[in-house]
Amino acid sequence: MRIDHIAIAVNDVNMALENYKKVLRIDKIDFEEVPTEKVKVVMLNLEDTRLELLEPMDDTSPISKFLKDRGEGIHHIAITADEIESDVRNAIEKGMRFLGDIRSGSYGRKITFIHPKSLNGVLVEFCQAPPK
């Protein structure tokens, strides 16, 4: 397993992108809207990792609630799972709680989130890329 990306909740992805461009050498930038998660996503591809900027699409987005409660900042850490179903089963067997089932996320990935109370206050996403 490895870190896939670090997600940052922001009020405006375009404004945040301009700020990150000032200090980072970004290899590639991808834009996507994920209606099922109610977020606009800007993925900043760096040399060996990625940063994901998340903007809520409306007031019912979980990111909207996060921003109201905590303000802008790190939302979650995503871990690449090669076999997400077995990784989730293994984590559940070891007492981890999840926020929902495995579902479709950005860029065709399968995703699910481990409840922050299970991992010392950190929201962790498991994500698996689609087959190439």
Protein backbone atom coordinates (compact mmCIF):
# COMPACT_ATOMS: atom_id res chain seq x y z
CA MET A 1 0.00 0.00 0.00
CA ARG A 2 1.07 3.57 -0.59
CA ILE A 3 -0.36 7.06 -0.26
CA ASP A 4 -2.44 7.81 -3.34
CA HIS A 5 -3.24 11.43 -2.48
CA ILE A 6 -3.89 13.94 0.26
CA ALA A 7 -7.27 15.66 -0.04
CA ILE A 8 -7.75 19.28 0.93
CA ALA A 9 -11.21 20.83 1.39
CA VAL A 10 -11.42 24.32 -0.11
CA ASN A 11 -14.11 26.91 -0.71
CA ASP A 12 -13.04 27.55 -4.32
CA VAL A 13 -10.89 25.07 -6.27
CA ASN A 14 -9.84 27.65 -8.86
CA MET A 15 -8.59 30.10 -6.25
CA ALA A 16 -6.86 27.31 -4.33
CA LEU A 17 -5.26 26.03 -7.53
CA GLU A 18 -3.76 29.46 -8.19
CA ASN A 19 -2.28 29.48 -4.67
CA TYR A 20 -0.74 26.01 -5.05
CA LYS A 21 0.68 26.92 -8.47
CA LYS A 22 2.68 29.70 -6.75
CA VAL A 23 4.72 27.24 -4.70
CA LEU A 24 4.57 23.80 -6.34
CA ARG A 25 6.02 22.37 -9.53
CA ILE A 26 2.92 20.58 -10.76
CA ASP A 27 3.41 17.99 -13.50
CA LYS A 28 -0.24 17.71 -14.51
CA ILE A 29 -3.62 19.08 -13.41
CA ASP A 30 -6.88 17.14 -13.80
CA PHE A 31 -10.38 18.55 -13.29
CA GLU A 32 -13.50 16.49 -12.57
CA GLU A 33 -16.95 16.80 -11.02
CA VAL A 34 -18.18 13.82 -9.00
CA PRO A 35 -21.95 14.19 -8.60
CA THR A 36 -22.25 11.08 -6.42
CA GLU A 37 -19.91 12.70 -3.86
CA LYS A 38 -21.20 16.24 -4.63
CA VAL A 39 -17.70 17.65 -5.18
CA LYS A 40 -15.59 19.42 -7.75
CA VAL A 41 -12.13 17.87 -7.82
CA VAL A 42 -8.83 19.30 -8.98
CA MET A 43 -6.01 16.73 -8.84
CA LEU A 44 -2.49 18.15 -8.71
CA ASN A 45 -0.03 15.53 -9.91
CA LEU A 46 3.38 16.04 -8.37
CA GLU A 47 6.52 14.02 -8.99
CA ASP A 48 5.71 11.17 -6.60
CA THR A 49 2.28 11.93 -5.11
CA ARG A 50 -0.87 13.94 -5.66
CA LEU A 51 -2.87 16.62 -3.90
CA GLU A 52 -6.63 16.65 -4.37
CA LEU A 53 -8.53 19.93 -3.96
CA LEU A 54 -12.20 19.40 -3.07
CA GLU A 55 -14.93 22.04 -3.45
CA PRO A 56 -18.54 21.26 -2.50
CA MET A 57 -21.05 21.35 -5.36
CA ASP A 58 -23.88 22.34 -3.01
CA ASP A 59 -24.81 22.72 0.66
CA THR A 60 -25.63 19.01 1.01
CA SER A 61 -22.08 17.91 0.15
CA PRO A 62 -20.09 16.34 3.00
CA ILE A 63 -17.32 18.78 2.06
CA SER A 64 -19.70 21.69 2.66
CA LYS A 65 -20.35 20.42 6.19
CA PHE A 66 -16.61 19.93 6.76
CA LEU A 67 -15.88 23.52 5.65
CA LYS A 68 -18.62 24.93 7.90
CA ASP A 69 -17.39 22.94 10.91
CA ARG A 70 -13.61 23.18 10.44
CA GLY A 71 -12.76 25.57 7.63
CA GLU A 72 -10.38 24.85 4.78
CA GLY A 73 -7.70 22.23 5.32
CA ILE A 74 -6.72 18.59 5.06
CA HIS A 75 -9.83 16.45 4.70
CA HIS A 76 -8.43 12.93 4.28
CA ILE A 77 -5.49 10.78 3.31
CA ALA A 78 -6.10 8.27 0.53
CA ILE A 79 -4.33 4.93 0.42
CA THR A 80 -4.06 2.86 -2.75
CA ALA A 81 -5.67 -0.53 -2.33
CA ASP A 82 -4.76 -3.20 -4.88
CA GLU A 83 -7.64 -5.43 -3.76
CA ILE A 84 -10.10 -3.05 -2.09
CA GLU A 85 -12.74 -5.68 -1.26
CA SER A 86 -10.27 -7.90 0.62
CA ASP A 87 -8.57 -4.88 2.24
CA VAL A 88 -11.95 -3.68 3.54
CA ARG A 89 -12.91 -7.16 4.80
CA ASN A 90 -9.56 -7.44 6.58
CA ALA A 91 -9.97 -4.01 8.19
CA ILE A 92 -13.53 -4.80 9.34
CA GLU A 93 -12.33 -8.09 10.85
CA LYS A 94 -9.79 -6.05 12.82
CA GLY A 95 -12.45 -3.69 14.18
CA MET A 96 -12.36 -0.78 11.73
CA ARG A 97 -15.63 1.10 11.07
CA PHE A 98 -16.37 2.37 7.57
CA LEU A 99 -18.46 5.27 6.33
CA GLY A 100 -20.63 3.57 3.75
CA ASP A 101 -19.94 0.85 1.24
CA ILE A 102 -17.42 0.65 -1.60
CA ARG A 103 -18.63 3.00 -4.33
CA SER A 104 -17.49 4.83 -7.44
CA GLY A 105 -15.31 7.90 -6.89
CA SER A 106 -13.27 10.27 -9.01
CA TYR A 107 -11.41 9.00 -12.07
CA GLY A 108 -13.31 5.70 -12.07
CA ARG A 109 -11.81 4.55 -8.80
CA LYS A 110 -13.53 2.31 -6.26
CA ILE A 111 -13.51 4.12 -2.92
CA THR A 112 -14.59 3.84 0.69
CA PHE A 113 -13.67 5.66 3.89
CA ILE A 114 -12.56 4.39 7.29
CA HIS A 115 -14.27 6.29 10.09
CA PRO A 116 -11.85 8.73 11.77
CA LYS A 117 -12.66 7.27 15.19
CA SER A 118 -11.08 4.01 14.03
CA LEU A 119 -7.77 5.66 13.05
CA ASN A 120 -6.85 8.23 15.68
CA GLY A 121 -9.00 11.04 14.32
CA VAL A 122 -7.86 10.76 10.67
CA LEU A 123 -10.31 10.10 7.84
CA VAL A 124 -8.65 7.52 5.58
CA GLU A 125 -9.87 6.62 2.12
CA PHE A 126 -9.13 3.32 0.44
CA CYS A 127 -9.11 3.74 -3.35
CA GLN A 128 -8.50 1.31 -6.18
CA ALA A 129 -7.86 2.46 -9.73
CA PRO A 130 -9.81 0.83 -12.56
CA PRO A 131 -7.99 -1.85 -14.56
CA LYS A 132 -5.85 -0.44 -17.38
